[in-house]
Amino acid sequence: MKINVETIVDAPVEVAWRAYTTPEDIKQLNAASDDWHTTNATVDLRVGGEFSSCMEAKDCSLGFDFAGTYTNVVVNSLIEYELGGREVRVEFI
C-alpha cells in the first residue's frame, strides 16, 4: 500500500530542509499534539546513516523511538529512508 501525504511550508527549501534534518529543530517541531514532545533526536544524514527521535508524552505516561536508516539523500531535494520494514520518500520542492 502506498500512502501520499503533502504539505505546504511557507519557507525556502533550504530552511525546510534544515528544520527536517537538524536535531535541535526536530526536537522543537516534532510533536503529535501539545501534550507530546521530542526529548532527543539524532541524525546521521548520509546513505546508510541512521536517525532517531525519542517522542514522549509530557506526563511521562508513554513514549517511543521513531528510528530508521537513510537509503538516499540529495541535499535540499530528497530523503529516502527505511523505517520498520517500510520505505519512506520525502521530497522538498
PDB file of N, CA and C in Angstrom:
ATOM      1  N   MET A   1       0.839  -1.168   0.000  1.00  0.00           N
ATOM      2  CA  MET A   1       0.000   0.000   0.000  1.00  0.00           C
ATOM      3  C   MET A   1       0.889   1.237   0.000  1.00  0.00           C
ATOM      4  N   LYS A   2       0.544   2.178  -0.826  1.00  0.00           N
ATOM      5  CA  LYS A   2       1.291   3.432  -0.904  1.00  0.00           C
ATOM      6  C   LYS A   2       0.414   4.549  -0.353  1.00  0.00           C
ATOM      7  N   ILE A   3       0.985   5.345   0.539  1.00  0.00           N
ATOM      8  CA  ILE A   3       0.280   6.482   1.128  1.00  0.00           C
ATOM      9  C   ILE A   3       1.033   7.746   0.770  1.00  0.00           C
ATOM     10  N   ASN A   4       0.332   8.750   0.281  1.00  0.00           N
ATOM     11  CA  ASN A   4       0.937  10.042  -0.034  1.00  0.00           C
ATOM     12  C   ASN A   4       0.412  11.087   0.936  1.00  0.00           C
ATOM     13  N   VAL A   5       1.334  11.875   1.468  1.00  0.00           N
ATOM     14  CA  VAL A   5       0.983  12.991   2.338  1.00  0.00           C
ATOM     15  C   VAL A   5       1.691  14.216   1.773  1.00  0.00           C
ATOM     16  N   GLU A   6       0.973  15.304   1.642  1.00  0.00           N
ATOM     17  CA  GLU A   6       1.560  16.519   1.085  1.00  0.00           C
ATOM     18  C   GLU A   6       1.251  17.684   2.013  1.00  0.00           C
ATOM     19  N   THR A   7       2.232  18.548   2.187  1.00  0.00           N
ATOM     20  CA  THR A   7       2.019  19.759   2.966  1.00  0.00           C
ATOM     21  C   THR A   7       2.782  20.903   2.314  1.00  0.00           C
ATOM     22  N   ILE A   8       2.303  22.097   2.545  1.00  0.00           N
ATOM     23  CA  ILE A   8       2.970  23.289   2.032  1.00  0.00           C
ATOM     24  C   ILE A   8       3.585  24.026   3.217  1.00  0.00           C
ATOM     25  N   VAL A   9       4.869  24.314   3.105  1.00  0.00           N
ATOM     26  CA  VAL A   9       5.593  25.040   4.143  1.00  0.00           C
ATOM     27  C   VAL A   9       5.976  26.388   3.555  1.00  0.00           C
ATOM     28  N   ASP A  10       5.599  27.447   4.205  1.00  0.00           N
ATOM     29  CA  ASP A  10       5.876  28.799   3.713  1.00  0.00           C
ATOM     30  C   ASP A  10       7.296  29.211   4.117  1.00  0.00           C
ATOM     31  N   ALA A  11       8.264  28.586   3.436  1.00  0.00           N
ATOM     32  CA  ALA A  11       9.682  28.867   3.719  1.00  0.00           C
ATOM     33  C   ALA A  11      10.500  28.396   2.524  1.00  0.00           C
ATOM     34  N   PRO A  12      11.679  28.968   2.345  1.00  0.00           N
ATOM     35  CA  PRO A  12      12.565  28.463   1.291  1.00  0.00           C
ATOM     36  C   PRO A  12      12.910  26.991   1.554  1.00  0.00           C
ATOM     37  N   VAL A  13      13.175  26.247   0.489  1.00  0.00           N
ATOM     38  CA  VAL A  13      13.500  24.822   0.611  1.00  0.00           C
ATOM     39  C   VAL A  13      14.644  24.605   1.593  1.00  0.00           C
ATOM     40  N   GLU A  14      15.660  25.447   1.553  1.00  0.00           N
ATOM     41  CA  GLU A  14      16.818  25.278   2.434  1.00  0.00           C
ATOM     42  C   GLU A  14      16.433  25.361   3.908  1.00  0.00           C
ATOM     43  N   VAL A  15      15.488  26.222   4.233  1.00  0.00           N
ATOM     44  CA  VAL A  15      15.037  26.378   5.620  1.00  0.00           C
ATOM     45  C   VAL A  15      14.238  25.146   6.046  1.00  0.00           C
ATOM     46  N   ALA A  16      13.338  24.673   5.188  1.00  0.00           N
ATOM     47  CA  ALA A  16      12.557  23.471   5.495  1.00  0.00           C
ATOM     48  C   ALA A  16      13.476  22.256   5.636  1.00  0.00           C
ATOM     49  N   TRP A  17      14.466  22.139   4.753  1.00  0.00           N
ATOM     50  CA  TRP A  17      15.429  21.034   4.820  1.00  0.00           C
ATOM     51  C   TRP A  17      16.152  21.038   6.165  1.00  0.00           C
ATOM     52  N   ARG A  18      16.650  22.189   6.559  1.00  0.00           N
ATOM     53  CA  ARG A  18      17.383  22.301   7.823  1.00  0.00           C
ATOM     54  C   ARG A  18      16.493  21.919   9.012  1.00  0.00           C
ATOM     55  N   ALA A  19      15.246  22.369   8.993  1.00  0.00           N
ATOM     56  CA  ALA A  19      14.325  22.040  10.086  1.00  0.00           C
ATOM     57  C   ALA A  19      14.042  20.543  10.150  1.00  0.00           C
ATOM     58  N   TYR A  20      14.015  19.880   9.008  1.00  0.00           N
ATOM     59  CA  TYR A  20      13.712  18.450   8.941  1.00  0.00           C
ATOM     60  C   TYR A  20      14.925  17.589   9.285  1.00  0.00           C
ATOM     61  N   THR A  21      16.127  18.149   9.197  1.00  0.00           N
ATOM     62  CA  THR A  21      17.338  17.332   9.336  1.00  0.00           C
ATOM     63  C   THR A  21      18.264  17.744  10.477  1.00  0.00           C
ATOM     64  N   THR A  22      17.914  18.752  11.239  1.00  0.00           N
ATOM     65  CA  THR A  22      18.767  19.229  12.332  1.00  0.00           C
ATOM     66  C   THR A  22      18.158  18.796  13.667  1.00  0.00           C
ATOM     67  N   PRO A  23      18.905  18.045  14.487  1.00  0.00           N
ATOM     68  CA  PRO A  23      18.337  17.536  15.735  1.00  0.00           C
ATOM     69  C   PRO A  23      17.662  18.598  16.613  1.00  0.00           C
ATOM     70  N   GLU A  24      18.266  19.750  16.779  1.00  0.00           N
ATOM     71  CA  GLU A  24      17.651  20.777  17.639  1.00  0.00           C
ATOM     72  C   GLU A  24      16.323  21.267  17.062  1.00  0.00           C
ATOM     73  N   ASP A  25      16.242  21.412  15.740  1.00  0.00           N
ATOM     74  CA  ASP A  25      14.979  21.809  15.111  1.00  0.00           C
ATOM     75  C   ASP A  25      13.940  20.699  15.237  1.00  0.00           C
ATOM     76  N   ILE A  26      14.352  19.446  15.025  1.00  0.00           N
ATOM     77  CA  ILE A  26      13.441  18.314  15.154  1.00  0.00           C
ATOM     78  C   ILE A  26      12.838  18.295  16.560  1.00  0.00           C
ATOM     79  N   LYS A  27      13.661  18.504  17.567  1.00  0.00           N
ATOM     80  CA  LYS A  27      13.166  18.497  18.951  1.00  0.00           C
ATOM     81  C   LYS A  27      12.110  19.581  19.185  1.00  0.00           C
ATOM     82  N   GLN A  28      12.225  20.695  18.506  1.00  0.00           N
ATOM     83  CA  GLN A  28      11.257  21.779  18.689  1.00  0.00           C
ATOM     84  C   GLN A  28      10.003  21.602  17.856  1.00  0.00           C
ATOM     85  N   LEU A  29      10.108  20.959  16.692  1.00  0.00           N
ATOM     86  CA  LEU A  29       8.994  20.897  15.747  1.00  0.00           C
ATOM     87  C   LEU A  29       8.234  19.576  15.749  1.00  0.00           C
ATOM     88  N   ASN A  30       8.823  18.511  16.251  1.00  0.00           N
ATOM     89  CA  ASN A  30       8.263  17.173  16.122  1.00  0.00           C
ATOM     90  C   ASN A  30       7.379  16.819  17.317  1.00  0.00           C
ATOM     91  N   ALA A  31       6.073  17.035  17.179  1.00  0.00           N
ATOM     92  CA  ALA A  31       5.129  16.688  18.245  1.00  0.00           C
ATOM     93  C   ALA A  31       3.776  16.366  17.625  1.00  0.00           C
ATOM     94  N   ALA A  32       3.170  15.277  18.077  1.00  0.00           N
ATOM     95  CA  ALA A  32       1.859  14.880  17.568  1.00  0.00           C
ATOM     96  C   ALA A  32       0.764  15.831  18.047  1.00  0.00           C
ATOM     97  N   SER A  33       0.939  16.375  19.235  1.00  0.00           N
ATOM     98  CA  SER A  33      -0.020  17.322  19.815  1.00  0.00           C
ATOM     99  C   SER A  33       0.689  18.085  20.933  1.00  0.00           C
ATOM    100  N   ASP A  34       0.000  19.030  21.528  1.00  0.00           N
ATOM    101  CA  ASP A  34       0.625  19.870  22.557  1.00  0.00           C
ATOM    102  C   ASP A  34       1.064  19.099  23.799  1.00  0.00           C
ATOM    103  N   ASP A  35       0.504  17.912  24.030  1.00  0.00           N
ATOM    104  CA  ASP A  35       0.874  17.146  25.223  1.00  0.00           C
ATOM    105  C   ASP A  35       1.979  16.112  24.951  1.00  0.00           C
ATOM    106  N   TRP A  36       2.605  16.190  23.778  1.00  0.00           N
ATOM    107  CA  TRP A  36       3.749  15.352  23.423  1.00  0.00           C
ATOM    108  C   TRP A  36       4.944  16.238  23.078  1.00  0.00           C
ATOM    109  N   HIS A  37       6.134  15.671  23.198  1.00  0.00           N
ATOM    110  CA  HIS A  37       7.350  16.382  22.778  1.00  0.00           C
ATOM    111  C   HIS A  37       8.425  15.369  22.397  1.00  0.00           C
ATOM    112  N   THR A  38       9.439  15.854  21.715  1.00  0.00           N
ATOM    113  CA  THR A  38      10.589  15.035  21.341  1.00  0.00           C
ATOM    114  C   THR A  38      11.729  15.409  22.267  1.00  0.00           C
ATOM    115  N   THR A  39      12.174  14.438  23.051  1.00  0.00           N
ATOM    116  CA  THR A  39      13.193  14.710  24.069  1.00  0.00           C
ATOM    117  C   THR A  39      14.610  14.542  23.552  1.00  0.00           C
ATOM    118  N   ASN A  40      14.771  13.771  22.480  1.00  0.00           N
ATOM    119  CA  ASN A  40      16.104  13.551  21.927  1.00  0.00           C
ATOM    120  C   ASN A  40      15.984  13.249  20.443  1.00  0.00           C
ATOM    121  N   ALA A  41      16.933  13.729  19.660  1.00  0.00           N
ATOM    122  CA  ALA A  41      16.959  13.436  18.226  1.00  0.00           C
ATOM    123  C   ALA A  41      18.407  13.321  17.769  1.00  0.00           C
ATOM    124  N   THR A  42      18.658  12.327  16.929  1.00  0.00           N
ATOM    125  CA  THR A  42      19.972  12.173  16.316  1.00  0.00           C
ATOM    126  C   THR A  42      19.786  12.005  14.813  1.00  0.00           C
ATOM    127  N   VAL A  43      20.736  12.524  14.044  1.00  0.00           N
ATOM    128  CA  VAL A  43      20.671  12.468  12.590  1.00  0.00           C
ATOM    129  C   VAL A  43      22.080  12.226  12.050  1.00  0.00           C
ATOM    130  N   ASP A  44      22.238  11.148  11.286  1.00  0.00           N
ATOM    131  CA  ASP A  44      23.471  10.880  10.547  1.00  0.00           C
ATOM    132  C   ASP A  44      23.068  10.880   9.075  1.00  0.00           C
ATOM    133  N   LEU A  45      22.962  12.074   8.502  1.00  0.00           N
ATOM    134  CA  LEU A  45      22.345  12.294   7.198  1.00  0.00           C
ATOM    135  C   LEU A  45      23.270  11.900   6.048  1.00  0.00           C
ATOM    136  N   ARG A  46      23.321  10.583   5.793  1.00  0.00           N
ATOM    137  CA  ARG A  46      24.092  10.020   4.680  1.00  0.00           C
ATOM    138  C   ARG A  46      23.494   8.650   4.401  1.00  0.00           C
ATOM    139  N   VAL A  47      23.700   8.152   3.193  1.00  0.00           N
ATOM    140  CA  VAL A  47      23.217   6.817   2.861  1.00  0.00           C
ATOM    141  C   VAL A  47      23.841   5.817   3.834  1.00  0.00           C
ATOM    142  N   GLY A  48      23.012   5.022   4.474  1.00  0.00           N
ATOM    143  CA  GLY A  48      23.467   4.077   5.493  1.00  0.00           C
ATOM    144  C   GLY A  48      23.477   4.662   6.886  1.00  0.00           C
ATOM    145  N   GLY A  49      23.349   5.989   6.998  1.00  0.00           N
ATOM    146  CA  GLY A  49      23.297   6.640   8.302  1.00  0.00           C
ATOM    147  C   GLY A  49      21.939   6.418   8.958  1.00  0.00           C
ATOM    148  N   GLU A  50      21.907   6.561  10.250  1.00  0.00           N
ATOM    149  CA  GLU A  50      20.672   6.328  10.994  1.00  0.00           C
ATOM    150  C   GLU A  50      20.154   7.611  11.619  1.00  0.00           C
ATOM    151  N   PHE A  51      18.851   7.619  11.888  1.00  0.00           N
ATOM    152  CA  PHE A  51      18.223   8.722  12.607  1.00  0.00           C
ATOM    153  C   PHE A  51      17.330   8.142  13.694  1.00  0.00           C
ATOM    154  N   SER A  52      17.095   8.936  14.711  1.00  0.00           N
ATOM    155  CA  SER A  52      16.210   8.520  15.788  1.00  0.00           C
ATOM    156  C   SER A  52      15.647   9.752  16.476  1.00  0.00           C
ATOM    157  N   SER A  53      14.370   9.673  16.805  1.00  0.00           N
ATOM    158  CA  SER A  53      13.714  10.707  17.602  1.00  0.00           C
ATOM    159  C   SER A  53      12.971  10.003  18.728  1.00  0.00           C
ATOM    160  N   CYS A  54      13.207  10.434  19.947  1.00  0.00           N
ATOM    161  CA  CYS A  54      12.529   9.871  21.109  1.00  0.00           C
ATOM    162  C   CYS A  54      11.331  10.763  21.429  1.00  0.00           C
ATOM    163  N   MET A  55      10.128  10.254  21.187  1.00  0.00           N
ATOM    164  CA  MET A  55       8.916  11.028  21.450  1.00  0.00           C
ATOM    165  C   MET A  55       8.272  10.529  22.731  1.00  0.00           C
ATOM    166  N   GLU A  56       7.835  11.463  23.558  1.00  0.00           N
ATOM    167  CA  GLU A  56       7.230  11.101  24.839  1.00  0.00           C
ATOM    168  C   GLU A  56       6.060  12.008  25.158  1.00  0.00           C
ATOM    169  N   ALA A  57       5.084  11.442  25.857  1.00  0.00           N
ATOM    170  CA  ALA A  57       4.008  12.256  26.409  1.00  0.00           C
ATOM    171  C   ALA A  57       4.616  13.123  27.502  1.00  0.00           C
ATOM    172  N   LYS A  58       4.187  14.361  27.600  1.00  0.00           N
ATOM    173  CA  LYS A  58       4.760  15.263  28.600  1.00  0.00           C
ATOM    174  C   LYS A  58       4.481  14.803  30.022  1.00  0.00           C
ATOM    175  N   ASP A  59       3.438  13.984  30.219  1.00  0.00           N
ATOM    176  CA  ASP A  59       3.167  13.464  31.562  1.00  0.00           C
ATOM    177  C   ASP A  59       3.925  12.155  31.833  1.00  0.00           C
ATOM    178  N   CYS A  60       4.818  11.776  30.909  1.00  0.00           N
ATOM    179  CA  CYS A  60       5.684  10.591  31.012  1.00  0.00           C
ATOM    180  C   CYS A  60       4.922   9.267  30.994  1.00  0.00           C
ATOM    181  N   SER A  61       3.672   9.266  30.555  1.00  0.00           N
ATOM    182  CA  SER A  61       2.876   8.041  30.549  1.00  0.00           C
ATOM    183  C   SER A  61       3.209   7.115  29.380  1.00  0.00           C
ATOM    184  N   LEU A  62       3.684   7.672  28.276  1.00  0.00           N
ATOM    185  CA  LEU A  62       4.007   6.891  27.082  1.00  0.00           C
ATOM    186  C   LEU A  62       5.221   7.481  26.388  1.00  0.00           C
ATOM    187  N   GLY A  63       5.869   6.658  25.590  1.00  0.00           N
ATOM    188  CA  GLY A  63       6.981   7.139  24.787  1.00  0.00           C
ATOM    189  C   GLY A  63       7.404   6.091  23.796  1.00  0.00           C
ATOM    190  N   PHE A  64       8.058   6.502  22.732  1.00  0.00           N
ATOM    191  CA  PHE A  64       8.559   5.555  21.743  1.00  0.00           C
ATOM    192  C   PHE A  64       9.659   6.216  20.928  1.00  0.00           C
ATOM    193  N   ASP A  65      10.472   5.375  20.290  1.00  0.00           N
ATOM    194  CA  ASP A  65      11.515   5.849  19.392  1.00  0.00           C
ATOM    195  C   ASP A  65      11.032   5.718  17.954  1.00  0.00           C
ATOM    196  N   PHE A  66      11.255   6.752  17.180  1.00  0.00           N
ATOM    197  CA  PHE A  66      10.966   6.792  15.755  1.00  0.00           C
ATOM    198  C   PHE A  66      12.336   6.744  15.098  1.00  0.00           C
ATOM    199  N   ALA A  67      12.704   5.604  14.521  1.00  0.00           N
ATOM    200  CA  ALA A  67      14.080   5.445  14.051  1.00  0.00           C
ATOM    201  C   ALA A  67      14.126   4.694  12.725  1.00  0.00           C
ATOM    202  N   GLY A  68      15.155   4.990  11.931  1.00  0.00           N
ATOM    203  CA  GLY A  68      15.323   4.328  10.649  1.00  0.00           C
ATOM    204  C   GLY A  68      16.707   4.555  10.085  1.00  0.00           C
ATOM    205  N   THR A  69      16.868   4.132   8.828  1.00  0.00           N
ATOM    206  CA  THR A  69      18.153   4.221   8.130  1.00  0.00           C
ATOM    207  C   THR A  69      17.949   4.908   6.784  1.00  0.00           C
ATOM    208  N   TYR A  70      18.777   5.899   6.506  1.00  0.00           N
ATOM    209  CA  TYR A  70      18.700   6.614   5.236  1.00  0.00           C
ATOM    210  C   TYR A  70      19.168   5.722   4.093  1.00  0.00           C
ATOM    211  N   THR A  71      18.403   5.719   2.993  1.00  0.00           N
ATOM    212  CA  THR A  71      18.760   4.938   1.814  1.00  0.00           C
ATOM    213  C   THR A  71      19.117   5.810   0.614  1.00  0.00           C
ATOM    214  N   ASN A  72      18.711   7.094   0.654  1.00  0.00           N
ATOM    215  CA  ASN A  72      19.060   8.032  -0.414  1.00  0.00           C
ATOM    216  C   ASN A  72      18.937   9.441   0.148  1.00  0.00           C
ATOM    217  N   VAL A  73      19.940  10.266  -0.124  1.00  0.00           N
ATOM    218  CA  VAL A  73      19.939  11.657   0.331  1.00  0.00           C
ATOM    219  C   VAL A  73      20.446  12.544  -0.799  1.00  0.00           C
ATOM    220  N   VAL A  74      19.621  13.501  -1.211  1.00  0.00           N
ATOM    221  CA  VAL A  74      20.021  14.520  -2.183  1.00  0.00           C
ATOM    222  C   VAL A  74      19.745  15.852  -1.502  1.00  0.00           C
ATOM    223  N   VAL A  75      20.788  16.546  -1.102  1.00  0.00           N
ATOM    224  CA  VAL A  75      20.668  17.754  -0.286  1.00  0.00           C
ATOM    225  C   VAL A  75      19.655  18.741  -0.876  1.00  0.00           C
ATOM    226  N   ASN A  76      18.783  19.233  -0.006  1.00  0.00           N
ATOM    227  CA  ASN A  76      17.740  20.209  -0.337  1.00  0.00           C
ATOM    228  C   ASN A  76      16.717  19.699  -1.360  1.00  0.00           C
ATOM    229  N   SER A  77      16.670  18.385  -1.576  1.00  0.00           N
ATOM    230  CA  SER A  77      15.773  17.852  -2.595  1.00  0.00           C
ATOM    231  C   SER A  77      15.033  16.583  -2.177  1.00  0.00           C
ATOM    232  N   LEU A  78      15.765  15.580  -1.652  1.00  0.00           N
ATOM    233  CA  LEU A  78      15.161  14.268  -1.436  1.00  0.00           C
ATOM    234  C   LEU A  78      15.794  13.541  -0.262  1.00  0.00           C
ATOM    235  N   ILE A  79      14.944  12.907   0.533  1.00  0.00           N
ATOM    236  CA  ILE A  79      15.399  11.991   1.579  1.00  0.00           C
ATOM    237  C   ILE A  79      14.542  10.733   1.452  1.00  0.00           C
ATOM    238  N   GLU A  80      15.204   9.593   1.378  1.00  0.00           N
ATOM    239  CA  GLU A  80      14.507   8.316   1.421  1.00  0.00           C
ATOM    240  C   GLU A  80      15.092   7.529   2.574  1.00  0.00           C
ATOM    241  N   TYR A  81      14.213   6.797   3.275  1.00  0.00           N
ATOM    242  CA  TYR A  81      14.697   6.002   4.394  1.00  0.00           C
ATOM    243  C   TYR A  81      13.826   4.778   4.608  1.00  0.00           C
ATOM    244  N   GLU A  82      14.400   3.817   5.340  1.00  0.00           N
ATOM    245  CA  GLU A  82      13.708   2.603   5.733  1.00  0.00           C
ATOM    246  C   GLU A  82      13.324   2.764   7.192  1.00  0.00           C
ATOM    247  N   LEU A  83      12.100   2.380   7.490  1.00  0.00           N
ATOM    248  CA  LEU A  83      11.556   2.558   8.840  1.00  0.00           C
ATOM    249  C   LEU A  83      10.716   1.335   9.170  1.00  0.00           C
ATOM    250  N   GLY A  84      11.258   0.437   9.965  1.00  0.00           N
ATOM    251  CA  GLY A  84      10.499  -0.738  10.366  1.00  0.00           C
ATOM    252  C   GLY A  84       9.998  -1.581   9.209  1.00  0.00           C
ATOM    253  N   GLY A  85      10.831  -1.763   8.185  1.00  0.00           N
ATOM    254  CA  GLY A  85      10.447  -2.557   7.044  1.00  0.00           C
ATOM    255  C   GLY A  85       9.648  -1.801   5.989  1.00  0.00           C
ATOM    256  N   ARG A  86       9.417  -0.524   6.218  1.00  0.00           N
ATOM    257  CA  ARG A  86       8.694   0.306   5.258  1.00  0.00           C
ATOM    258  C   ARG A  86       9.647   1.317   4.634  1.00  0.00           C
ATOM    259  N   GLU A  87       9.339   1.678   3.390  1.00  0.00           N
ATOM    260  CA  GLU A  87      10.142   2.679   2.685  1.00  0.00           C
ATOM    261  C   GLU A  87       9.411   4.010   2.690  1.00  0.00           C
ATOM    262  N   VAL A  88      10.158   5.080   2.980  1.00  0.00           N
ATOM    263  CA  VAL A  88       9.583   6.422   3.044  1.00  0.00           C
ATOM    264  C   VAL A  88      10.368   7.324   2.091  1.00  0.00           C
ATOM    265  N   ARG A  89       9.643   8.185   1.387  1.00  0.00           N
ATOM    266  CA  ARG A  89      10.259   9.146   0.459  1.00  0.00           C
ATOM    267  C   ARG A  89       9.744  10.534   0.813  1.00  0.00           C
ATOM    268  N   VAL A  90      10.667  11.470   1.063  1.00  0.00           N
ATOM    269  CA  VAL A  90      10.326  12.842   1.381  1.00  0.00           C
ATOM    270  C   VAL A  90      10.970  13.739   0.334  1.00  0.00           C
ATOM    271  N   GLU A  91      10.137  14.472  -0.417  1.00  0.00           N
ATOM    272  CA  GLU A  91      10.642  15.360  -1.448  1.00  0.00           C
ATOM    273  C   GLU A  91      10.495  16.806  -0.995  1.00  0.00           C
ATOM    274  N   PHE A  92      11.504  17.603  -1.267  1.00  0.00           N
ATOM    275  CA  PHE A  92      11.489  19.025  -0.978  1.00  0.00           C
ATOM    276  C   PHE A  92      11.431  19.750  -2.325  1.00  0.00           C
ATOM    277  N   ILE A  93      10.305  20.395  -2.615  1.00  0.00           N
ATOM    278  CA  ILE A  93      10.099  21.026  -3.918  1.00  0.00           C
ATOM    279  C   ILE A  93       9.908  22.518  -3.741  1.00  0.00           C
TER     280      ILE A  93
END
